[in-house]
């Protein structure tokens, strides 16, 4: 069992790293998107009154003046307290916010456990406030995880406007995370009040000397690993893809200049053959050919 836990732990961390890398690479390689063409764009100097650099005479001869700070400030508001959800539905926002606090606390908990194991392997003992921080992050994660996910489960199940957009996988995700948090609290209470044995488990992993853990702690480790394997099949990657959505779609206002990178990307797609047929489209020809026909 001990060797299996070690192997499965290594596998789960490698799996999520590879899966997320593949997904991100796939997003980056996607064709040029259709722009929203919605103004004002957050990083514009003239954002405060809804303006754009396109107002400037001969704008193509001048460089764009972007404010990265404005964009980052908006993203921080969006990531830290989900402003759009707060404006639309305060009850749903409350449980969603708590659930996300739990998820971030779980990441912090894992980082603290792994880093403390590495530090102790280098001869520095973790005790006092540092050890308490691990316990506190775990407690916050488990309690907020139960409250937040249970609230989301009930709201989505009871409200018709949300239920039609909620599939069985989403409900399963809520219940699985609640189970993980309950087992985490039980492990904290009955087996390891400061998760010392969990840290020792990681130390044994790093030096390839697996240690024995209690049954409840073994279940907790298994659930953590299963959660890592499960995450790539959920929408959790939106923490990363939202950056693409903002910077590469919503706020992408770079001009398409002659001989530029954007023109090259567009022309690569225009050289592809049309794969469908319609009254106004001839199949088999390239998009560039159809564009020239329309121009004539």
C-alpha atoms as a PDB file:
ATOM      1  CA  UNK A   1       0.000   0.000   0.000  1.00  0.00           C
ATOM      2  CA  UNK A   2       2.807   2.421   0.895  1.00  0.00           C
ATOM      3  CA  UNK A   3       4.626   1.849  -2.399  1.00  0.00           C
ATOM      4  CA  UNK A   4       1.343   2.164  -4.303  1.00  0.00           C
ATOM      5  CA  UNK A   5       0.621   5.538  -2.661  1.00  0.00           C
ATOM      6  CA  UNK A   6       4.070   6.815  -3.615  1.00  0.00           C
ATOM      7  CA  UNK A   7       3.767   5.637  -7.225  1.00  0.00           C
ATOM      8  CA  UNK A   8       0.237   7.015  -7.567  1.00  0.00           C
ATOM      9  CA  UNK A   9       1.280  10.353  -6.067  1.00  0.00           C
ATOM     10  CA  UNK A  10       4.149  10.709  -8.541  1.00  0.00           C
ATOM     11  CA  UNK A  11       1.813   9.707 -11.355  1.00  0.00           C
ATOM     12  CA  UNK A  12      -0.943  12.176 -10.403  1.00  0.00           C
ATOM     13  CA  UNK A  13       1.413  15.173 -10.255  1.00  0.00           C
ATOM     14  CA  UNK A  14       3.065  14.222 -13.543  1.00  0.00           C
ATOM     15  CA  UNK A  15      -0.340  13.621 -15.125  1.00  0.00           C
ATOM     16  CA  UNK A  16      -1.782  17.023 -14.237  1.00  0.00           C
ATOM     17  CA  UNK A  17       1.410  18.812 -15.315  1.00  0.00           C
ATOM     18  CA  UNK A  18       1.458  17.057 -18.706  1.00  0.00           C
ATOM     19  CA  UNK A  19      -2.311  17.385 -19.235  1.00  0.00           C
ATOM     20  CA  UNK A  20      -2.332  21.118 -18.484  1.00  0.00           C
ATOM     21  CA  UNK A  21       0.745  21.676 -20.663  1.00  0.00           C
ATOM     22  CA  UNK A  22      -0.951  19.916 -23.584  1.00  0.00           C
ATOM     23  CA  UNK A  23      -4.144  21.911 -23.077  1.00  0.00           C
ATOM     24  CA  UNK A  24      -2.325  25.249 -22.888  1.00  0.00           C
ATOM     25  CA  UNK A  25      -0.266  24.405 -25.985  1.00  0.00           C
ATOM     26  CA  UNK A  26      -3.501  23.533 -27.784  1.00  0.00           C
ATOM     27  CA  UNK A  27      -5.023  26.898 -26.874  1.00  0.00           C
ATOM     28  CA  UNK A  28      -1.920  28.779 -28.015  1.00  0.00           C
ATOM     29  CA  UNK A  29      -1.914  26.975 -31.375  1.00  0.00           C
ATOM     30  CA  UNK A  30      -5.569  27.724 -32.115  1.00  0.00           C
ATOM     31  CA  UNK A  31      -6.279  29.791 -35.258  1.00  0.00           C
ATOM     32  CA  UNK A  32      -6.542  33.567 -35.071  1.00  0.00           C
ATOM     33  CA  UNK A  33      -9.737  34.404 -33.217  1.00  0.00           C
ATOM     34  CA  UNK A  34     -12.573  36.636 -34.343  1.00  0.00           C
ATOM     35  CA  UNK A  35     -12.200  39.883 -32.465  1.00  0.00           C
ATOM     36  CA  UNK A  36     -14.927  41.177 -30.248  1.00  0.00           C
ATOM     37  CA  UNK A  37     -14.489  44.719 -31.560  1.00  0.00           C
ATOM     38  CA  UNK A  38     -16.009  46.013 -28.329  1.00  0.00           C
ATOM     39  CA  UNK A  39     -14.703  49.311 -27.077  1.00  0.00           C
ATOM     40  CA  UNK A  40     -13.340  50.674 -24.867  1.00  0.00           C
ATOM     41  CA  UNK A  41     -10.511  48.181 -24.389  1.00  0.00           C
ATOM     42  CA  UNK A  42      -9.261  48.033 -20.807  1.00  0.00           C
ATOM     43  CA  UNK A  43      -5.628  48.963 -21.537  1.00  0.00           C
ATOM     44  CA  UNK A  44      -6.510  52.015 -23.672  1.00  0.00           C
ATOM     45  CA  UNK A  45      -5.336  55.439 -22.517  1.00  0.00           C
ATOM     46  CA  UNK A  46      -8.751  56.819 -23.518  1.00  0.00           C
ATOM     47  CA  UNK A  47     -10.668  54.094 -21.686  1.00  0.00           C
ATOM     48  CA  UNK A  48     -12.165  56.527 -19.161  1.00  0.00           C
ATOM     49  CA  UNK A  49     -14.521  58.026 -21.760  1.00  0.00           C
ATOM     50  CA  UNK A  50     -14.830  55.011 -24.065  1.00  0.00           C
ATOM     51  CA  UNK A  51     -12.231  56.119 -26.579  1.00  0.00           C
ATOM     52  CA  UNK A  52      -9.746  54.247 -28.725  1.00  0.00           C
ATOM     53  CA  UNK A  53      -6.451  54.813 -30.478  1.00  0.00           C
ATOM     54  CA  UNK A  54      -8.437  54.487 -33.709  1.00  0.00           C
ATOM     55  CA  UNK A  55      -9.733  58.031 -33.112  1.00  0.00           C
ATOM     56  CA  UNK A  56      -6.278  59.416 -33.763  1.00  0.00           C
ATOM     57  CA  UNK A  57      -5.575  60.693 -37.253  1.00  0.00           C
ATOM     58  CA  UNK A  58      -3.165  58.428 -39.141  1.00  0.00           C
ATOM     59  CA  UNK A  59      -3.249  56.024 -36.192  1.00  0.00           C
ATOM     60  CA  UNK A  60      -1.437  53.341 -38.186  1.00  0.00           C
ATOM     61  CA  UNK A  61       1.709  55.489 -38.195  1.00  0.00           C
ATOM     62  CA  UNK A  62       1.844  55.673 -34.399  1.00  0.00           C
ATOM     63  CA  UNK A  63       2.504  53.015 -31.802  1.00  0.00           C
ATOM     64  CA  UNK A  64      -0.169  51.977 -29.327  1.00  0.00           C
ATOM     65  CA  UNK A  65       0.095  53.299 -25.797  1.00  0.00           C
ATOM     66  CA  UNK A  66      -1.187  50.575 -23.503  1.00  0.00           C
ATOM     67  CA  UNK A  67      -1.550  50.612 -19.734  1.00  0.00           C
ATOM     68  CA  UNK A  68      -0.702  47.147 -18.442  1.00  0.00           C
ATOM     69  CA  UNK A  69      -1.544  48.282 -14.913  1.00  0.00           C
ATOM     70  CA  UNK A  70      -5.179  48.986 -15.873  1.00  0.00           C
ATOM     71  CA  UNK A  71      -5.511  45.517 -17.370  1.00  0.00           C
ATOM     72  CA  UNK A  72      -3.888  43.819 -14.378  1.00  0.00           C
ATOM     73  CA  UNK A  73      -6.008  45.804 -11.930  1.00  0.00           C
ATOM     74  CA  UNK A  74      -9.165  44.636 -13.698  1.00  0.00           C
ATOM     75  CA  UNK A  75      -7.920  41.036 -13.692  1.00  0.00           C
ATOM     76  CA  UNK A  76      -7.152  41.226  -9.976  1.00  0.00           C
ATOM     77  CA  UNK A  77     -10.700  42.396  -9.280  1.00  0.00           C
ATOM     78  CA  UNK A  78     -12.042  39.593 -11.436  1.00  0.00           C
ATOM     79  CA  UNK A  79      -9.830  36.915  -9.860  1.00  0.00           C
ATOM     80  CA  UNK A  80      -9.973  38.100  -6.257  1.00  0.00           C
ATOM     81  CA  UNK A  81     -13.700  38.615  -5.787  1.00  0.00           C
ATOM     82  CA  UNK A  82     -15.490  37.765  -9.050  1.00  0.00           C
ATOM     83  CA  UNK A  83     -17.002  41.188  -9.601  1.00  0.00           C
ATOM     84  CA  UNK A  84     -19.260  40.107 -12.473  1.00  0.00           C
ATOM     85  CA  UNK A  85     -20.868  37.333 -10.363  1.00  0.00           C
ATOM     86  CA  UNK A  86     -21.298  39.710  -7.430  1.00  0.00           C
ATOM     87  CA  UNK A  87     -23.274  42.148  -9.585  1.00  0.00           C
ATOM     88  CA  UNK A  88     -25.544  39.461 -11.067  1.00  0.00           C
ATOM     89  CA  UNK A  89     -26.325  37.106  -8.166  1.00  0.00           C
ATOM     90  CA  UNK A  90     -25.052  37.751  -4.653  1.00  0.00           C
ATOM     91  CA  UNK A  91     -26.195  34.401  -3.191  1.00  0.00           C
ATOM     92  CA  UNK A  92     -24.540  32.352  -5.927  1.00  0.00           C
ATOM     93  CA  UNK A  93     -21.461  34.584  -5.711  1.00  0.00           C
ATOM     94  CA  UNK A  94     -21.167  33.940  -1.952  1.00  0.00           C
ATOM     95  CA  UNK A  95     -20.912  30.164  -2.277  1.00  0.00           C
ATOM     96  CA  UNK A  96     -18.824  30.364  -5.458  1.00  0.00           C
ATOM     97  CA  UNK A  97     -16.368  32.682  -3.710  1.00  0.00           C
ATOM     98  CA  UNK A  98     -16.077  30.403  -0.680  1.00  0.00           C
ATOM     99  CA  UNK A  99     -15.537  27.372  -2.936  1.00  0.00           C
ATOM    100  CA  UNK A 100     -12.718  29.157  -4.765  1.00  0.00           C
ATOM    101  CA  UNK A 101     -11.117  30.171  -1.470  1.00  0.00           C
ATOM    102  CA  UNK A 102     -11.067  26.475  -0.604  1.00  0.00           C
ATOM    103  CA  UNK A 103      -9.440  25.564  -3.919  1.00  0.00           C
ATOM    104  CA  UNK A 104      -6.725  28.194  -3.485  1.00  0.00           C
ATOM    105  CA  UNK A 105      -6.222  27.134   0.141  1.00  0.00           C
ATOM    106  CA  UNK A 106      -5.766  23.539  -1.058  1.00  0.00           C
ATOM    107  CA  UNK A 107      -3.030  24.677  -3.447  1.00  0.00           C
ATOM    108  CA  UNK A 108      -1.369  26.630  -0.617  1.00  0.00           C
ATOM    109  CA  UNK A 109      -1.702  23.630   1.708  1.00  0.00           C
ATOM    110  CA  UNK A 110       0.025  21.335  -0.791  1.00  0.00           C
ATOM    111  CA  UNK A 111       2.789  23.872  -1.453  1.00  0.00           C
ATOM    112  CA  UNK A 112       3.426  24.279   2.286  1.00  0.00           C
ATOM    113  CA  UNK A 113       3.500  20.510   2.861  1.00  0.00           C
ATOM    114  CA  UNK A 114       5.888  19.825  -0.021  1.00  0.00           C
ATOM    115  CA  UNK A 115       8.170  22.802   0.680  1.00  0.00           C
ATOM    116  CA  UNK A 116       8.344  21.993   4.409  1.00  0.00           C
ATOM    117  CA  UNK A 117       9.303  18.401   3.550  1.00  0.00           C
ATOM    118  CA  UNK A 118      12.123  19.664   1.323  1.00  0.00           C
ATOM    119  CA  UNK A 119      13.286  22.119   3.998  1.00  0.00           C
ATOM    120  CA  UNK A 120      13.376  19.424   6.686  1.00  0.00           C
ATOM    121  CA  UNK A 121      15.338  17.114   4.385  1.00  0.00           C
ATOM    122  CA  UNK A 122      17.944  19.868   4.292  1.00  0.00           C
ATOM    123  CA  UNK A 123      18.291  19.827   8.067  1.00  0.00           C
ATOM    124  CA  UNK A 124      16.003  22.721   9.031  1.00  0.00           C
ATOM    125  CA  UNK A 125      13.176  21.777  11.398  1.00  0.00           C
ATOM    126  CA  UNK A 126       9.682  23.121  10.741  1.00  0.00           C
ATOM    127  CA  UNK A 127       7.868  23.982  13.963  1.00  0.00           C
ATOM    128  CA  UNK A 128       5.871  26.702  15.695  1.00  0.00           C
ATOM    129  CA  UNK A 129       4.152  29.225  13.449  1.00  0.00           C
ATOM    130  CA  UNK A 130       5.313  27.509  10.259  1.00  0.00           C
ATOM    131  CA  UNK A 131       3.722  24.216  11.299  1.00  0.00           C
ATOM    132  CA  UNK A 132       0.567  26.026  12.427  1.00  0.00           C
ATOM    133  CA  UNK A 133       0.286  27.698   9.019  1.00  0.00           C
ATOM    134  CA  UNK A 134       0.001  24.265   7.402  1.00  0.00           C
ATOM    135  CA  UNK A 135      -2.768  23.299   9.809  1.00  0.00           C
ATOM    136  CA  UNK A 136      -4.628  26.603   9.351  1.00  0.00           C
ATOM    137  CA  UNK A 137      -4.500  26.416   5.550  1.00  0.00           C
ATOM    138  CA  UNK A 138      -5.842  22.862   5.732  1.00  0.00           C
ATOM    139  CA  UNK A 139      -8.705  23.799   8.060  1.00  0.00           C
ATOM    140  CA  UNK A 140      -9.677  26.787   5.880  1.00  0.00           C
ATOM    141  CA  UNK A 141      -9.578  24.584   2.791  1.00  0.00           C
ATOM    142  CA  UNK A 142     -11.754  21.826   4.244  1.00  0.00           C
ATOM    143  CA  UNK A 143     -14.393  23.982   5.953  1.00  0.00           C
ATOM    144  CA  UNK A 144     -14.842  26.435   3.072  1.00  0.00           C
ATOM    145  CA  UNK A 145     -14.782  23.533   0.628  1.00  0.00           C
ATOM    146  CA  UNK A 146     -17.706  21.812   2.339  1.00  0.00           C
ATOM    147  CA  UNK A 147     -19.773  25.002   2.711  1.00  0.00           C
ATOM    148  CA  UNK A 148     -19.031  26.403  -0.741  1.00  0.00           C
ATOM    149  CA  UNK A 149     -19.506  23.228  -2.766  1.00  0.00           C
ATOM    150  CA  UNK A 150     -22.584  22.137  -0.837  1.00  0.00           C
ATOM    151  CA  UNK A 151     -24.118  25.565  -1.415  1.00  0.00           C
ATOM    152  CA  UNK A 152     -23.348  25.447  -5.143  1.00  0.00           C
ATOM    153  CA  UNK A 153     -24.746  21.907  -5.369  1.00  0.00           C
ATOM    154  CA  UNK A 154     -28.042  22.920  -3.748  1.00  0.00           C
ATOM    155  CA  UNK A 155     -28.392  26.166  -5.738  1.00  0.00           C
ATOM    156  CA  UNK A 156     -27.732  24.498  -9.089  1.00  0.00           C
ATOM    157  CA  UNK A 157     -30.072  21.628  -8.240  1.00  0.00           C
ATOM    158  CA  UNK A 158     -32.927  23.840  -7.015  1.00  0.00           C
ATOM    159  CA  UNK A 159     -32.857  26.628  -9.606  1.00  0.00           C
ATOM    160  CA  UNK A 160     -34.206  25.752 -13.084  1.00  0.00           C
ATOM    161  CA  UNK A 161     -32.209  28.543 -14.771  1.00  0.00           C
ATOM    162  CA  UNK A 162     -28.964  26.948 -13.535  1.00  0.00           C
ATOM    163  CA  UNK A 163     -30.017  23.303 -13.542  1.00  0.00           C
ATOM    164  CA  UNK A 164     -30.372  23.173 -17.337  1.00  0.00           C
ATOM    165  CA  UNK A 165     -26.703  24.159 -17.680  1.00  0.00           C
ATOM    166  CA  UNK A 166     -25.423  21.709 -15.054  1.00  0.00           C
ATOM    167  CA  UNK A 167     -24.434  18.217 -16.157  1.00  0.00           C
ATOM    168  CA  UNK A 168     -23.775  15.172 -13.987  1.00  0.00           C
ATOM    169  CA  UNK A 169     -20.013  15.762 -14.085  1.00  0.00           C
ATOM    170  CA  UNK A 170     -20.427  19.116 -12.322  1.00  0.00           C
ATOM    171  CA  UNK A 171     -22.569  17.568  -9.570  1.00  0.00           C
ATOM    172  CA  UNK A 172     -20.020  14.765  -9.221  1.00  0.00           C
ATOM    173  CA  UNK A 173     -17.235  17.331  -8.890  1.00  0.00           C
ATOM    174  CA  UNK A 174     -19.036  19.082  -6.028  1.00  0.00           C
ATOM    175  CA  UNK A 175     -19.656  15.833  -4.131  1.00  0.00           C
ATOM    176  CA  UNK A 176     -16.142  14.528  -4.722  1.00  0.00           C
ATOM    177  CA  UNK A 177     -14.591  17.729  -3.368  1.00  0.00           C
ATOM    178  CA  UNK A 178     -16.919  17.670  -0.347  1.00  0.00           C
ATOM    179  CA  UNK A 179     -15.815  14.073   0.353  1.00  0.00           C
ATOM    180  CA  UNK A 180     -12.163  15.131   0.064  1.00  0.00           C
ATOM    181  CA  UNK A 181     -12.718  17.932   2.589  1.00  0.00           C
ATOM    182  CA  UNK A 182     -14.601  15.687   5.040  1.00  0.00           C
ATOM    183  CA  UNK A 183     -11.840  13.067   4.934  1.00  0.00           C
ATOM    184  CA  UNK A 184      -9.289  15.859   5.370  1.00  0.00           C
ATOM    185  CA  UNK A 185     -11.011  17.038   8.552  1.00  0.00           C
ATOM    186  CA  UNK A 186     -11.254  13.468   9.858  1.00  0.00           C
ATOM    187  CA  UNK A 187      -7.557  12.896   9.149  1.00  0.00           C
ATOM    188  CA  UNK A 188      -6.727  16.142  10.920  1.00  0.00           C
ATOM    189  CA  UNK A 189      -8.820  15.242  13.973  1.00  0.00           C
ATOM    190  CA  UNK A 190      -8.144  11.525  14.380  1.00  0.00           C
ATOM    191  CA  UNK A 191      -4.773  10.868  12.771  1.00  0.00           C
ATOM    192  CA  UNK A 192      -2.557  13.926  12.486  1.00  0.00           C
ATOM    193  CA  UNK A 193      -3.439  17.223  14.173  1.00  0.00           C
ATOM    194  CA  UNK A 194      -0.715  19.111  12.259  1.00  0.00           C
ATOM    195  CA  UNK A 195      -0.382  16.858   9.191  1.00  0.00           C
ATOM    196  CA  UNK A 196       3.070  15.823  10.377  1.00  0.00           C
ATOM    197  CA  UNK A 197       2.649  12.345   8.933  1.00  0.00           C
ATOM    198  CA  UNK A 198       1.612  13.782   5.590  1.00  0.00           C
ATOM    199  CA  UNK A 199       4.829  15.781   5.562  1.00  0.00           C
ATOM    200  CA  UNK A 200       6.773  12.664   6.543  1.00  0.00           C
ATOM    201  CA  UNK A 201       5.087  10.849   3.670  1.00  0.00           C
ATOM    202  CA  UNK A 202       6.468  13.440   1.254  1.00  0.00           C
ATOM    203  CA  UNK A 203       9.928  13.232   2.809  1.00  0.00           C
ATOM    204  CA  UNK A 204       9.854   9.477   2.300  1.00  0.00           C
ATOM    205  CA  UNK A 205       8.800  10.019  -1.309  1.00  0.00           C
ATOM    206  CA  UNK A 206      11.708  12.336  -2.047  1.00  0.00           C
ATOM    207  CA  UNK A 207      14.318   9.965  -0.622  1.00  0.00           C
ATOM    208  CA  UNK A 208      12.536   6.886  -2.045  1.00  0.00           C
ATOM    209  CA  UNK A 209      11.877   5.413   1.400  1.00  0.00           C
ATOM    210  CA  UNK A 210       8.066   5.077   1.698  1.00  0.00           C
ATOM    211  CA  UNK A 211       6.662   5.267   5.218  1.00  0.00           C
ATOM    212  CA  UNK A 212       3.518   3.724   6.673  1.00  0.00           C
ATOM    213  CA  UNK A 213       0.542   6.031   7.222  1.00  0.00           C
ATOM    214  CA  UNK A 214      -2.772   5.484   8.987  1.00  0.00           C
ATOM    215  CA  UNK A 215      -5.782   4.233   7.062  1.00  0.00           C
ATOM    216  CA  UNK A 216      -7.588   7.597   7.137  1.00  0.00           C
ATOM    217  CA  UNK A 217      -4.420   9.398   6.009  1.00  0.00           C
ATOM    218  CA  UNK A 218      -3.993   6.888   3.171  1.00  0.00           C
ATOM    219  CA  UNK A 219      -7.574   7.589   2.036  1.00  0.00           C
ATOM    220  CA  UNK A 220      -6.878  11.334   2.207  1.00  0.00           C
ATOM    221  CA  UNK A 221      -3.726  10.991   0.075  1.00  0.00           C
ATOM    222  CA  UNK A 222      -5.619   8.835  -2.420  1.00  0.00           C
ATOM    223  CA  UNK A 223      -8.378  11.440  -2.736  1.00  0.00           C
ATOM    224  CA  UNK A 224      -5.845  14.250  -3.193  1.00  0.00           C
ATOM    225  CA  UNK A 225      -4.211  12.288  -6.006  1.00  0.00           C
ATOM    226  CA  UNK A 226      -7.533  11.385  -7.634  1.00  0.00           C
ATOM    227  CA  UNK A 227      -8.476  15.060  -7.483  1.00  0.00           C
ATOM    228  CA  UNK A 228      -5.303  15.972  -9.388  1.00  0.00           C
ATOM    229  CA  UNK A 229      -6.046  13.381 -12.067  1.00  0.00           C
ATOM    230  CA  UNK A 230      -9.657  14.562 -12.272  1.00  0.00           C
ATOM    231  CA  UNK A 231      -8.909  18.312 -12.583  1.00  0.00           C
ATOM    232  CA  UNK A 232      -7.774  18.345 -16.257  1.00  0.00           C
ATOM    233  CA  UNK A 233     -11.205  16.989 -17.222  1.00  0.00           C
ATOM    234  CA  UNK A 234     -13.002  19.879 -15.500  1.00  0.00           C
ATOM    235  CA  UNK A 235     -13.217  23.617 -16.099  1.00  0.00           C
ATOM    236  CA  UNK A 236     -10.556  24.309 -13.464  1.00  0.00           C
ATOM    237  CA  UNK A 237      -8.114  25.318 -16.203  1.00  0.00           C
ATOM    238  CA  UNK A 238     -10.169  28.514 -16.587  1.00  0.00           C
ATOM    239  CA  UNK A 239      -7.789  30.047 -14.036  1.00  0.00           C
ATOM    240  CA  UNK A 240      -5.293  30.072 -16.913  1.00  0.00           C
ATOM    241  CA  UNK A 241      -7.510  30.258 -19.989  1.00  0.00           C
ATOM    242  CA  UNK A 242      -9.213  33.416 -18.715  1.00  0.00           C
ATOM    243  CA  UNK A 243      -5.890  35.160 -19.287  1.00  0.00           C
ATOM    244  CA  UNK A 244      -6.041  34.083 -22.938  1.00  0.00           C
ATOM    245  CA  UNK A 245      -9.667  35.216 -23.143  1.00  0.00           C
ATOM    246  CA  UNK A 246      -8.871  38.682 -21.855  1.00  0.00           C
ATOM    247  CA  UNK A 247      -5.525  39.416 -23.495  1.00  0.00           C
ATOM    248  CA  UNK A 248      -5.907  37.493 -26.771  1.00  0.00           C
ATOM    249  CA  UNK A 249      -9.623  37.956 -27.472  1.00  0.00           C
ATOM    250  CA  UNK A 250     -11.415  40.659 -25.480  1.00  0.00           C
ATOM    251  CA  UNK A 251      -8.532  43.117 -25.370  1.00  0.00           C
ATOM    252  CA  UNK A 252      -6.604  42.234 -28.525  1.00  0.00           C
ATOM    253  CA  UNK A 253      -6.738  45.401 -30.623  1.00  0.00           C
ATOM    254  CA  UNK A 254      -3.424  45.150 -32.454  1.00  0.00           C
ATOM    255  CA  UNK A 255      -3.752  46.526 -36.011  1.00  0.00           C
ATOM    256  CA  UNK A 256      -3.322  44.173 -38.958  1.00  0.00           C
ATOM    257  CA  UNK A 257      -0.403  45.863 -40.715  1.00  0.00           C
ATOM    258  CA  UNK A 258       1.022  44.950 -44.107  1.00  0.00           C
ATOM    259  CA  UNK A 259       3.743  42.333 -43.718  1.00  0.00           C
ATOM    260  CA  UNK A 260       3.080  41.922 -39.992  1.00  0.00           C
ATOM    261  CA  UNK A 261       2.774  38.744 -37.931  1.00  0.00           C
ATOM    262  CA  UNK A 262      -0.998  39.018 -37.767  1.00  0.00           C
ATOM    263  CA  UNK A 263      -1.303  39.257 -41.550  1.00  0.00           C
ATOM    264  CA  UNK A 264       0.898  36.175 -41.907  1.00  0.00           C
ATOM    265  CA  UNK A 265      -1.329  34.174 -39.547  1.00  0.00           C
ATOM    266  CA  UNK A 266      -4.466  35.282 -41.373  1.00  0.00           C
ATOM    267  CA  UNK A 267      -3.037  34.435 -44.795  1.00  0.00           C
ATOM    268  CA  UNK A 268      -2.101  30.951 -43.577  1.00  0.00           C
ATOM    269  CA  UNK A 269      -5.771  30.337 -42.797  1.00  0.00           C
ATOM    270  CA  UNK A 270      -6.960  32.019 -45.992  1.00  0.00           C
ATOM    271  CA  UNK A 271      -4.898  29.502 -47.959  1.00  0.00           C
ATOM    272  CA  UNK A 272      -6.976  26.626 -46.597  1.00  0.00           C
ATOM    273  CA  UNK A 273      -9.689  25.046 -48.727  1.00  0.00           C
ATOM    274  CA  UNK A 274     -13.367  25.553 -47.933  1.00  0.00           C
ATOM    275  CA  UNK A 275     -14.708  22.355 -46.382  1.00  0.00           C
ATOM    276  CA  UNK A 276     -18.424  23.121 -46.572  1.00  0.00           C
ATOM    277  CA  UNK A 277     -20.962  24.175 -49.175  1.00  0.00           C
ATOM    278  CA  UNK A 278     -23.685  26.809 -49.267  1.00  0.00           C
ATOM    279  CA  UNK A 279     -25.630  29.000 -51.691  1.00  0.00           C
ATOM    280  CA  UNK A 280     -23.008  31.714 -51.285  1.00  0.00           C
ATOM    281  CA  UNK A 281     -19.951  29.457 -50.840  1.00  0.00           C
ATOM    282  CA  UNK A 282     -18.226  27.172 -53.342  1.00  0.00           C
ATOM    283  CA  UNK A 283     -16.625  24.119 -51.764  1.00  0.00           C
ATOM    284  CA  UNK A 284     -13.150  23.040 -52.841  1.00  0.00           C
ATOM    285  CA  UNK A 285     -11.761  26.522 -53.412  1.00  0.00           C
ATOM    286  CA  UNK A 286      -9.439  28.388 -51.077  1.00  0.00           C
ATOM    287  CA  UNK A 287     -10.789  31.147 -48.869  1.00  0.00           C
ATOM    288  CA  UNK A 288      -8.451  33.643 -50.531  1.00  0.00           C
ATOM    289  CA  UNK A 289      -9.971  32.783 -53.921  1.00  0.00           C
ATOM    290  CA  UNK A 290     -13.482  33.373 -52.619  1.00  0.00           C
ATOM    291  CA  UNK A 291     -12.409  36.668 -51.060  1.00  0.00           C
ATOM    292  CA  UNK A 292     -11.007  37.840 -54.408  1.00  0.00           C
ATOM    293  CA  UNK A 293     -14.230  36.811 -56.176  1.00  0.00           C
ATOM    294  CA  UNK A 294     -16.307  38.847 -53.721  1.00  0.00           C
ATOM    295  CA  UNK A 295     -13.991  41.801 -54.226  1.00  0.00           C
ATOM    296  CA  UNK A 296     -14.551  41.702 -57.987  1.00  0.00           C
END
